[in-house]
């Protein structure tokens, strides 16, 4: 993978995990992110890297869907429920 992959948070496995967490299909993610299903399929299958803008679209869709990406020990990332803000 290229330079973009070194700085990427959203790996193919994490993309699949986030979809599973939300119980979304690839089509659901495509509809919510504006990224084609074939791009999502190819990325999750490790057939190609994502452009930074495409990764940002996917991450935004996941975050709006209710997940957060957290930095884990060892430099990797995980996915967990996004904390709900309490009204003030």
Protein backbone atom coordinates (compact mmCIF):
# COMPACT_ATOMS: atom_id res chain seq x y z
CA UNK A 1 0.00 0.00 0.00
CA UNK A 2 1.13 3.51 -0.69
CA UNK A 3 1.85 6.59 1.41
CA UNK A 4 -1.85 7.29 1.95
CA UNK A 5 -2.26 3.90 3.60
CA UNK A 6 0.46 4.67 6.16
CA UNK A 7 -1.55 7.62 7.50
CA UNK A 8 -4.97 6.03 7.09
CA UNK A 9 -7.15 5.29 10.08
CA UNK A 10 -9.77 3.31 8.21
CA UNK A 11 -8.27 -0.04 7.24
CA UNK A 12 -10.24 -2.59 5.21
CA UNK A 13 -10.80 -4.69 8.35
CA UNK A 14 -11.90 -1.67 10.37
CA UNK A 15 -14.30 -0.66 7.60
CA UNK A 16 -15.89 -4.13 7.75
CA UNK A 17 -15.97 -3.98 11.55
CA UNK A 18 -17.65 -0.57 11.61
CA UNK A 19 -20.26 -1.77 9.12
CA UNK A 20 -20.87 -4.84 11.25
CA UNK A 21 -21.16 -2.73 14.38
CA UNK A 22 -23.89 -0.68 12.70
CA UNK A 23 -25.41 -3.71 10.94
CA UNK A 24 -24.91 -1.98 7.57
CA UNK A 25 -24.42 -3.65 4.23
CA UNK A 26 -21.96 -2.27 1.69
CA UNK A 27 -24.96 -0.75 -0.07
CA UNK A 28 -26.06 0.96 3.16
CA UNK A 29 -22.60 2.47 3.56
CA UNK A 30 -22.54 3.52 -0.10
CA UNK A 31 -25.91 5.26 0.26
CA UNK A 32 -24.87 7.06 3.45
CA UNK A 33 -21.38 8.07 2.31
CA UNK A 34 -21.77 8.85 -1.39
CA UNK A 35 -18.98 6.35 -2.18
CA UNK A 36 -19.78 3.67 -4.75
CA UNK A 37 -20.46 0.16 -3.51
CA UNK A 38 -17.82 -1.19 -5.89
CA UNK A 39 -15.19 1.09 -4.31
CA UNK A 40 -16.20 -0.11 -0.84
CA UNK A 41 -16.16 -3.75 -2.00
CA UNK A 42 -12.73 -3.40 -3.59
CA UNK A 43 -11.30 -1.57 -0.57
CA UNK A 44 -12.66 -4.06 1.95
CA UNK A 45 -11.24 -6.84 -0.22
CA UNK A 46 -7.81 -5.11 -0.14
CA UNK A 47 -7.87 -4.66 -3.91
CA UNK A 48 -6.86 -0.98 -3.73
CA UNK A 49 -6.23 1.95 -1.39
CA UNK A 50 -8.61 4.82 -0.76
CA UNK A 51 -8.00 8.47 -1.53
CA UNK A 52 -7.97 10.62 1.60
CA UNK A 53 -11.20 12.32 0.57
CA UNK A 54 -12.93 8.95 0.11
CA UNK A 55 -11.72 7.76 3.51
CA UNK A 56 -13.07 10.98 5.02
CA UNK A 57 -16.49 10.39 3.42
CA UNK A 58 -16.64 6.87 4.82
CA UNK A 59 -15.49 7.92 8.29
CA UNK A 60 -18.04 10.74 8.39
CA UNK A 61 -20.84 8.33 7.46
CA UNK A 62 -19.75 5.93 10.20
CA UNK A 63 -19.46 8.71 12.77
CA UNK A 64 -22.88 10.10 11.85
CA UNK A 65 -24.18 6.53 12.15
CA UNK A 66 -23.05 6.37 15.76
CA UNK A 67 -19.52 4.99 15.94
CA UNK A 68 -16.22 6.56 16.96
CA UNK A 69 -12.73 5.60 15.89
CA UNK A 70 -10.37 5.36 18.85
CA UNK A 71 -6.60 5.18 18.94
CA UNK A 72 -5.48 1.95 20.60
CA UNK A 73 -2.20 1.07 22.22
CA UNK A 74 0.36 0.02 19.64
CA UNK A 75 -0.70 2.57 17.05
CA UNK A 76 -3.79 0.84 15.72
CA UNK A 77 -7.40 2.02 15.76
CA UNK A 78 -10.64 0.47 16.93
CA UNK A 79 -14.32 1.25 16.66
CA UNK A 80 -16.74 1.81 19.55
CA UNK A 81 -20.09 3.51 20.20
CA UNK A 82 -19.91 7.27 19.94
CA UNK A 83 -20.58 8.91 23.29
CA UNK A 84 -23.88 10.73 23.34
CA UNK A 85 -23.73 14.32 24.48
CA UNK A 86 -25.98 15.11 27.39
CA UNK A 87 -28.19 18.19 27.10
CA UNK A 88 -27.13 21.13 29.25
